[in-house]
N, C-alpha and C. Protein backbone atom coordinates (compact mmCIF):
# COMPACT_ATOMS: atom_id res chain seq x y z
N MET A 1 0.85 -1.18 0.00
CA MET A 1 0.00 0.00 0.00
C MET A 1 0.90 1.25 0.00
N LEU A 2 0.54 2.24 -0.83
CA LEU A 2 1.31 3.47 -0.91
C LEU A 2 0.84 4.46 0.14
N ASP A 3 1.80 5.15 0.73
CA ASP A 3 1.40 6.19 1.67
C ASP A 3 1.07 7.46 0.89
N ARG A 4 0.53 8.44 1.57
CA ARG A 4 0.05 9.66 0.92
C ARG A 4 1.15 10.38 0.16
N GLY A 5 2.36 10.43 0.72
CA GLY A 5 3.47 11.11 0.05
C GLY A 5 3.82 10.46 -1.27
N GLU A 6 3.82 9.14 -1.32
CA GLU A 6 4.13 8.44 -2.57
C GLU A 6 3.04 8.66 -3.61
N VAL A 7 1.79 8.72 -3.18
CA VAL A 7 0.69 8.96 -4.11
C VAL A 7 0.83 10.35 -4.73
N VAL A 8 1.12 11.35 -3.91
CA VAL A 8 1.28 12.72 -4.41
C VAL A 8 2.46 12.78 -5.37
N LEU A 9 3.57 12.13 -5.01
CA LEU A 9 4.74 12.12 -5.87
C LEU A 9 4.44 11.45 -7.20
N ASN A 10 3.73 10.33 -7.18
CA ASN A 10 3.36 9.64 -8.42
C ASN A 10 2.44 10.50 -9.29
N GLN A 11 1.50 11.20 -8.67
CA GLN A 11 0.59 12.06 -9.44
C GLN A 11 1.35 13.22 -10.08
N ALA A 12 2.28 13.80 -9.32
CA ALA A 12 3.07 14.91 -9.86
C ALA A 12 3.96 14.42 -11.00
N THR A 13 4.57 13.26 -10.82
CA THR A 13 5.42 12.69 -11.87
C THR A 13 4.61 12.40 -13.12
N ASN A 14 3.44 11.84 -12.96
CA ASN A 14 2.58 11.54 -14.10
C ASN A 14 2.16 12.81 -14.83
N ALA A 15 1.83 13.85 -14.08
CA ALA A 15 1.41 15.11 -14.69
C ALA A 15 2.56 15.72 -15.50
N VAL A 16 3.76 15.69 -14.97
CA VAL A 16 4.91 16.24 -15.68
C VAL A 16 5.20 15.42 -16.93
N ALA A 17 5.09 14.11 -16.82
CA ALA A 17 5.34 13.24 -17.97
C ALA A 17 4.33 13.50 -19.08
N VAL A 18 3.07 13.62 -18.75
CA VAL A 18 2.04 13.89 -19.75
C VAL A 18 2.25 15.26 -20.38
N ALA A 19 2.58 16.26 -19.56
CA ALA A 19 2.82 17.61 -20.08
C ALA A 19 4.00 17.62 -21.04
N SER A 20 5.05 16.86 -20.72
CA SER A 20 6.22 16.84 -21.61
C SER A 20 5.90 16.15 -22.93
N ILE A 21 5.03 15.17 -22.90
CA ILE A 21 4.67 14.46 -24.13
C ILE A 21 3.83 15.35 -25.04
N ILE A 22 2.89 16.07 -24.48
CA ILE A 22 2.01 16.91 -25.30
C ILE A 22 2.57 18.30 -25.54
N SER A 23 3.73 18.62 -24.95
CA SER A 23 4.28 19.97 -25.12
C SER A 23 4.58 20.30 -26.57
N ALA A 24 4.92 19.30 -27.34
CA ALA A 24 5.20 19.55 -28.76
C ALA A 24 3.98 20.13 -29.46
N ALA A 25 2.80 19.82 -28.98
CA ALA A 25 1.58 20.32 -29.61
C ALA A 25 1.35 21.79 -29.30
N TRP A 26 1.76 22.27 -28.11
CA TRP A 26 1.45 23.66 -27.77
C TRP A 26 2.65 24.58 -27.79
N ILE A 27 3.84 24.11 -28.15
CA ILE A 27 5.00 24.99 -28.25
C ILE A 27 4.81 26.05 -29.34
N PRO A 28 4.31 25.71 -30.52
CA PRO A 28 4.08 26.77 -31.53
C PRO A 28 3.10 27.84 -31.04
N THR A 29 2.09 27.43 -30.32
CA THR A 29 1.12 28.40 -29.80
C THR A 29 1.78 29.32 -28.78
N LEU A 30 2.62 28.77 -27.93
CA LEU A 30 3.33 29.58 -26.95
C LEU A 30 4.30 30.56 -27.62
N LYS A 31 4.96 30.09 -28.67
CA LYS A 31 5.87 30.98 -29.40
C LYS A 31 5.10 32.13 -30.04
N GLU A 32 3.94 31.81 -30.61
CA GLU A 32 3.12 32.85 -31.24
C GLU A 32 2.62 33.85 -30.21
N ALA A 33 2.17 33.34 -29.07
CA ALA A 33 1.69 34.24 -28.00
C ALA A 33 2.83 35.12 -27.50
N SER A 34 4.01 34.55 -27.40
CA SER A 34 5.16 35.33 -26.94
C SER A 34 5.52 36.42 -27.95
N GLU A 35 5.44 36.09 -29.21
CA GLU A 35 5.74 37.08 -30.25
C GLU A 35 4.72 38.21 -30.23
N ILE A 36 3.46 37.87 -30.10
CA ILE A 36 2.41 38.89 -30.04
C ILE A 36 2.61 39.77 -28.81
N ALA A 37 2.90 39.16 -27.68
CA ALA A 37 3.14 39.94 -26.46
C ALA A 37 4.34 40.85 -26.62
N GLY A 38 5.36 40.37 -27.32
CA GLY A 38 6.54 41.20 -27.57
C GLY A 38 6.23 42.45 -28.37
N TYR A 39 5.27 42.35 -29.27
CA TYR A 39 4.86 43.52 -30.05
C TYR A 39 3.91 44.42 -29.26
N LEU A 40 3.02 43.83 -28.48
CA LEU A 40 1.99 44.62 -27.81
C LEU A 40 2.49 45.32 -26.54
N MET A 41 3.38 44.71 -25.81
CA MET A 41 3.76 45.27 -24.51
C MET A 41 4.36 46.67 -24.59
N PRO A 42 5.24 46.98 -25.54
CA PRO A 42 5.72 48.36 -25.62
C PRO A 42 4.60 49.36 -25.94
N ILE A 43 3.68 48.96 -26.79
CA ILE A 43 2.56 49.84 -27.14
C ILE A 43 1.68 50.07 -25.91
N LEU A 44 1.35 48.98 -25.21
CA LEU A 44 0.53 49.10 -24.00
C LEU A 44 1.26 49.89 -22.92
N GLY A 45 2.58 49.74 -22.85
CA GLY A 45 3.36 50.50 -21.88
C GLY A 45 3.29 52.00 -22.14
N VAL A 46 3.38 52.38 -23.41
CA VAL A 46 3.29 53.81 -23.76
C VAL A 46 1.89 54.34 -23.44
N ILE A 47 0.87 53.57 -23.77
CA ILE A 47 -0.49 53.99 -23.46
C ILE A 47 -0.67 54.17 -21.96
N TRP A 48 -0.16 53.21 -21.16
CA TRP A 48 -0.28 53.30 -19.71
C TRP A 48 0.47 54.52 -19.17
N LEU A 49 1.65 54.79 -19.73
CA LEU A 49 2.41 55.96 -19.31
C LEU A 49 1.65 57.24 -19.61
N LEU A 50 1.02 57.32 -20.78
CA LEU A 50 0.22 58.50 -21.13
C LEU A 50 -0.97 58.66 -20.19
N VAL A 51 -1.61 57.55 -19.84
CA VAL A 51 -2.73 57.61 -18.89
C VAL A 51 -2.25 58.17 -17.56
N GLN A 52 -1.11 57.72 -17.08
CA GLN A 52 -0.58 58.20 -15.81
C GLN A 52 -0.20 59.68 -15.87
N ILE A 53 0.38 60.11 -16.98
CA ILE A 53 0.75 61.51 -17.14
C ILE A 53 -0.50 62.39 -17.15
N VAL A 54 -1.53 61.98 -17.90
CA VAL A 54 -2.77 62.76 -17.95
C VAL A 54 -3.41 62.80 -16.57
N ARG A 55 -3.45 61.66 -15.88
CA ARG A 55 -4.05 61.62 -14.54
C ARG A 55 -3.31 62.55 -13.57
N ALA A 56 -2.00 62.53 -13.60
CA ALA A 56 -1.22 63.38 -12.71
C ALA A 56 -1.40 64.86 -13.06
N THR A 57 -1.43 65.17 -14.35
CA THR A 57 -1.60 66.55 -14.78
C THR A 57 -2.97 67.08 -14.40
N VAL A 58 -4.00 66.31 -14.66
CA VAL A 58 -5.37 66.73 -14.30
C VAL A 58 -5.48 66.88 -12.79
N GLY A 59 -4.90 65.95 -12.05
CA GLY A 59 -4.94 66.05 -10.59
C GLY A 59 -4.24 67.30 -10.08
N ALA A 60 -3.12 67.65 -10.70
CA ALA A 60 -2.39 68.84 -10.28
C ALA A 60 -3.17 70.11 -10.62
N VAL A 61 -3.77 70.15 -11.81
CA VAL A 61 -4.55 71.33 -12.22
C VAL A 61 -5.76 71.49 -11.32
N LEU A 62 -6.47 70.41 -11.05
CA LEU A 62 -7.66 70.50 -10.20
C LEU A 62 -7.26 70.85 -8.76
N GLY A 63 -6.12 70.36 -8.33
CA GLY A 63 -5.64 70.70 -6.99
C GLY A 63 -5.34 72.18 -6.86
N ARG A 64 -4.75 72.76 -7.90
CA ARG A 64 -4.45 74.20 -7.87
C ARG A 64 -5.73 75.01 -7.92
N ARG A 65 -6.72 74.56 -8.68
CA ARG A 65 -7.99 75.28 -8.76
C ARG A 65 -8.72 75.26 -7.42
N LYS A 66 -8.66 74.12 -6.73
CA LYS A 66 -9.28 74.05 -5.40
C LYS A 66 -8.61 75.02 -4.45
N GLY A 67 -7.30 75.13 -4.56
CA GLY A 67 -6.56 76.04 -3.68
C GLY A 67 -6.92 77.49 -3.94
N LYS A 68 -7.15 77.86 -5.20
CA LYS A 68 -7.51 79.24 -5.55
C LYS A 68 -8.96 79.53 -5.13
N ALA A 69 -9.84 78.55 -5.19
CA ALA A 69 -11.25 78.76 -4.87
C ALA A 69 -11.45 78.97 -3.37
N GLU A 70 -10.55 78.41 -2.57
CA GLU A 70 -10.76 78.53 -1.11
C GLU A 70 -10.29 79.80 -0.57
């Protein structure tokens, strides 16, 4: 009879073995996703930076207006 530790080890080993066998099927998909991410991340980074700049600028302008109104 196997104890709990051996059962967990066998299940983990089986999962890794199955993943390694079928990895050939999803490697092209991973490469494609990586390539797409490589193109999109700089664009998304610039967009996020612009959002942060606009947010900080608007916050500063509204903060100054509140100070003048009081």
